[in-house]
Amino acid sequence: MADYSDFFAPRSRYYGPVKPENLVFNANLQEFSHRVSLLCGLETNGKLSPEETYQEIKSLWKQLKQSKKALGIGQAPSAADDDH
């Protein structure tokens, strides 16, 4: 089963600063990208309407933004973190 999912949903290696939150966000970002690609293909082939596709992508984007916020990506470090 791993070969099947690797073929249809390959994952790229992460090259940025290695921190747990960066790795999790990168995985979320790759999943977002893969799902948007599938939705675009479905819309192009007439399986989804443009409006359905837009709403699905909008929902995925909101999930990705929530993930970024929850992981603290792009936020200034808090003063408590500097005390270590």
C-alpha atoms as a PDB file:
ATOM      1  CA  MET A   1       0.000   0.000   0.000  1.00  0.00           C
ATOM      2  CA  ALA A   2       2.902   2.386   0.659  1.00  0.00           C
ATOM      3  CA  ASP A   3       4.034   2.114  -2.992  1.00  0.00           C
ATOM      4  CA  TYR A   4       0.530   3.026  -4.152  1.00  0.00           C
ATOM      5  CA  SER A   5       0.314   6.153  -1.991  1.00  0.00           C
ATOM      6  CA  ASP A   6       3.912   7.139  -2.828  1.00  0.00           C
ATOM      7  CA  PHE A   7       3.036   6.993  -6.514  1.00  0.00           C
ATOM      8  CA  PHE A   8      -0.196   8.989  -6.319  1.00  0.00           C
ATOM      9  CA  ALA A   9       0.788  11.346  -3.502  1.00  0.00           C
ATOM     10  CA  PRO A  10       4.571  11.661  -3.458  1.00  0.00           C
ATOM     11  CA  ARG A  11       6.166  13.662  -0.657  1.00  0.00           C
ATOM     12  CA  SER A  12       9.123  15.921  -1.236  1.00  0.00           C
ATOM     13  CA  ARG A  13      11.985  16.209   1.183  1.00  0.00           C
ATOM     14  CA  TYR A  14      12.040  19.223   3.511  1.00  0.00           C
ATOM     15  CA  TYR A  15      15.155  21.438   3.222  1.00  0.00           C
ATOM     16  CA  GLY A  16      14.378  24.272   5.667  1.00  0.00           C
ATOM     17  CA  PRO A  17      15.311  24.735   9.321  1.00  0.00           C
ATOM     18  CA  VAL A  18      14.557  21.462  11.098  1.00  0.00           C
ATOM     19  CA  LYS A  19      12.057  22.189  13.842  1.00  0.00           C
ATOM     20  CA  PRO A  20       9.031  20.021  14.625  1.00  0.00           C
ATOM     21  CA  GLU A  21       6.550  22.774  13.749  1.00  0.00           C
ATOM     22  CA  ASN A  22       8.245  23.374  10.385  1.00  0.00           C
ATOM     23  CA  LEU A  23       8.132  19.683   9.524  1.00  0.00           C
ATOM     24  CA  VAL A  24       4.441  19.430  10.432  1.00  0.00           C
ATOM     25  CA  PHE A  25       3.562  22.558   8.475  1.00  0.00           C
ATOM     26  CA  ASN A  26       5.531  21.323   5.469  1.00  0.00           C
ATOM     27  CA  ALA A  27       3.561  18.061   5.522  1.00  0.00           C
ATOM     28  CA  ASN A  28       0.316  20.050   5.753  1.00  0.00           C
ATOM     29  CA  LEU A  29       1.412  22.289   2.886  1.00  0.00           C
ATOM     30  CA  GLN A  30       2.240  19.313   0.680  1.00  0.00           C
ATOM     31  CA  GLU A  31      -1.141  17.751   1.466  1.00  0.00           C
ATOM     32  CA  PHE A  32      -2.843  21.046   0.579  1.00  0.00           C
ATOM     33  CA  SER A  33      -0.953  21.207  -2.705  1.00  0.00           C
ATOM     34  CA  HIS A  34      -1.834  17.621  -3.597  1.00  0.00           C
ATOM     35  CA  ARG A  35      -5.525  18.081  -2.843  1.00  0.00           C
ATOM     36  CA  VAL A  36      -5.719  21.359  -4.794  1.00  0.00           C
ATOM     37  CA  SER A  37      -4.121  19.596  -7.751  1.00  0.00           C
ATOM     38  CA  LEU A  38      -6.730  16.820  -7.595  1.00  0.00           C
ATOM     39  CA  LEU A  39      -9.579  19.315  -7.318  1.00  0.00           C
ATOM     40  CA  CYS A  40      -8.279  21.250 -10.330  1.00  0.00           C
ATOM     41  CA  GLY A  41      -8.143  18.045 -12.345  1.00  0.00           C
ATOM     42  CA  LEU A  42     -11.705  17.159 -11.365  1.00  0.00           C
ATOM     43  CA  GLU A  43     -12.924  20.623 -12.332  1.00  0.00           C
ATOM     44  CA  THR A  44     -11.029  20.596 -15.633  1.00  0.00           C
ATOM     45  CA  ASN A  45     -12.623  17.256 -16.550  1.00  0.00           C
ATOM     46  CA  GLY A  46     -16.130  18.412 -15.643  1.00  0.00           C
ATOM     47  CA  LYS A  47     -16.535  16.289 -12.513  1.00  0.00           C
ATOM     48  CA  LEU A  48     -16.835  19.355 -10.246  1.00  0.00           C
ATOM     49  CA  SER A  49     -18.294  22.758 -10.997  1.00  0.00           C
ATOM     50  CA  PRO A  50     -16.032  25.805 -10.729  1.00  0.00           C
ATOM     51  CA  GLU A  51     -18.021  26.973  -7.680  1.00  0.00           C
ATOM     52  CA  GLU A  52     -17.675  23.587  -5.911  1.00  0.00           C
ATOM     53  CA  THR A  53     -13.967  23.574  -6.658  1.00  0.00           C
ATOM     54  CA  TYR A  54     -13.557  27.110  -5.364  1.00  0.00           C
ATOM     55  CA  GLN A  55     -15.412  26.321  -2.139  1.00  0.00           C
ATOM     56  CA  GLU A  56     -13.338  23.166  -1.543  1.00  0.00           C
ATOM     57  CA  ILE A  57     -10.057  25.027  -2.124  1.00  0.00           C
ATOM     58  CA  LYS A  58     -11.220  27.874   0.106  1.00  0.00           C
ATOM     59  CA  SER A  59     -11.973  25.356   2.878  1.00  0.00           C
ATOM     60  CA  LEU A  60      -8.565  23.703   2.456  1.00  0.00           C
ATOM     61  CA  TRP A  61      -6.894  27.145   2.582  1.00  0.00           C
ATOM     62  CA  LYS A  62      -8.659  27.979   5.851  1.00  0.00           C
ATOM     63  CA  GLN A  63      -7.454  24.677   7.329  1.00  0.00           C
ATOM     64  CA  LEU A  64      -3.883  25.433   6.223  1.00  0.00           C
ATOM     65  CA  LYS A  65      -4.043  28.937   7.742  1.00  0.00           C
ATOM     66  CA  GLN A  66      -5.345  27.496  11.031  1.00  0.00           C
ATOM     67  CA  SER A  67      -2.510  24.963  11.015  1.00  0.00           C
ATOM     68  CA  LYS A  68       0.053  27.737  10.466  1.00  0.00           C
ATOM     69  CA  LYS A  69      -1.379  29.788  13.299  1.00  0.00           C
ATOM     70  CA  ALA A  70      -1.622  26.812  15.681  1.00  0.00           C
ATOM     71  CA  LEU A  71       1.996  25.852  14.976  1.00  0.00           C
ATOM     72  CA  GLY A  72       3.217  29.425  15.464  1.00  0.00           C
ATOM     73  CA  ILE A  73       4.836  29.614  12.038  1.00  0.00           C
ATOM     74  CA  GLY A  74       5.879  33.180  11.162  1.00  0.00           C
ATOM     75  CA  GLN A  75       5.176  34.585  14.621  1.00  0.00           C
ATOM     76  CA  ALA A  76       7.783  36.368  16.676  1.00  0.00           C
ATOM     77  CA  PRO A  77       9.146  34.214  19.507  1.00  0.00           C
ATOM     78  CA  SER A  78       7.595  34.998  22.858  1.00  0.00           C
ATOM     79  CA  ALA A  79       9.636  36.428  25.738  1.00  0.00           C
ATOM     80  CA  ALA A  80       9.151  33.161  27.640  1.00  0.00           C
ATOM     81  CA  ASP A  81      11.066  31.339  24.879  1.00  0.00           C
ATOM     82  CA  ASP A  82      14.034  33.701  25.294  1.00  0.00           C
ATOM     83  CA  ASP A  83      14.442  32.855  28.986  1.00  0.00           C
ATOM     84  CA  HIS A  84      15.697  29.300  28.355  1.00  0.00           C
END
